Amino acid sequence: MSDEDWKLKEGAELNIDDVAKIACALKSLSAYTTLACADEDSPEDLEVIVDEGLDAISNLFDV
């Protein structure tokens, strides 16, 4: 997905370039967390934090 594909939802007032970079980083972290959570010793609260970040992305972007 390119930077031009990211569109904020109506009413959101943020710097789109910075938010898109954060969103991409969170999505990458989500993939890593999915792999890490397969290990029994991984903390479950990390998955919750990542999921909350991904929910926030969904609230900001029309993708």
Protein backbone atom coordinates (compact mmCIF):
# COMPACT_ATOMS: atom_id res chain seq x y z
CA MET A 1 0.00 0.00 0.00
CA SER A 2 1.44 3.38 -0.98
CA ASP A 3 1.24 6.63 0.99
CA GLU A 4 -1.42 7.88 -1.45
CA ASP A 5 -3.74 5.01 -0.47
CA TRP A 6 -4.08 6.25 3.11
CA LYS A 7 -7.14 8.47 3.68
CA LEU A 8 -8.24 9.79 7.07
CA LYS A 9 -11.84 9.39 8.06
CA GLU A 10 -13.96 12.50 8.02
CA GLY A 11 -13.24 14.71 11.00
CA ALA A 12 -9.77 13.28 11.74
CA GLU A 13 -7.14 16.02 11.87
CA LEU A 14 -3.68 14.50 11.89
CA ASN A 15 -0.57 14.68 9.73
CA ILE A 16 -1.36 11.88 7.30
CA ASP A 17 2.28 11.09 6.48
CA ASP A 18 3.23 10.55 10.11
CA VAL A 19 0.10 8.58 10.93
CA ALA A 20 0.57 6.33 7.89
CA LYS A 21 4.12 5.53 9.02
CA ILE A 22 2.83 4.66 12.48
CA ALA A 23 0.08 2.50 10.99
CA CYS A 24 2.57 0.55 8.87
CA ALA A 25 4.78 0.03 11.90
CA LEU A 26 1.84 -1.24 13.96
CA LYS A 27 0.79 -3.64 11.23
CA SER A 28 4.34 -4.99 11.12
CA LEU A 29 4.33 -5.33 14.90
CA SER A 30 1.04 -7.18 14.65
CA ALA A 31 2.58 -9.78 12.35
CA TYR A 32 5.55 -10.16 14.71
CA THR A 33 3.24 -10.44 17.73
CA THR A 34 1.19 -13.15 16.04
CA LEU A 35 4.35 -15.22 15.62
CA ALA A 36 5.60 -14.44 19.13
CA CYS A 37 2.27 -15.35 20.73
CA ALA A 38 2.60 -18.85 19.32
CA ASP A 39 5.32 -19.26 21.96
CA GLU A 40 3.84 -20.14 25.36
CA ASP A 41 6.17 -17.70 27.15
CA SER A 42 4.97 -14.62 25.21
CA PRO A 43 3.08 -11.98 27.22
CA GLU A 44 -0.60 -11.80 26.29
CA ASP A 45 -0.82 -8.08 27.17
CA LEU A 46 1.46 -7.25 24.21
CA GLU A 47 -1.14 -8.73 21.87
CA VAL A 48 -3.85 -6.60 23.53
CA ILE A 49 -1.78 -3.43 23.06
CA VAL A 50 -1.18 -4.19 19.39
CA ASP A 51 -4.85 -5.00 18.83
CA GLU A 52 -5.83 -1.67 20.40
CA GLY A 53 -3.41 0.12 18.07
CA LEU A 54 -4.87 -1.67 15.06
CA ASP A 55 -8.38 -0.72 16.18
CA ALA A 56 -7.24 2.91 16.42
CA ILE A 57 -5.95 2.68 12.85
CA SER A 58 -9.34 1.38 11.73
CA ASN A 59 -11.01 4.33 13.43
CA LEU A 60 -8.75 6.83 11.59
CA PHE A 61 -8.45 5.44 8.08
CA ASP A 62 -10.80 4.59 5.24
CA VAL A 63 -8.72 1.84 3.68
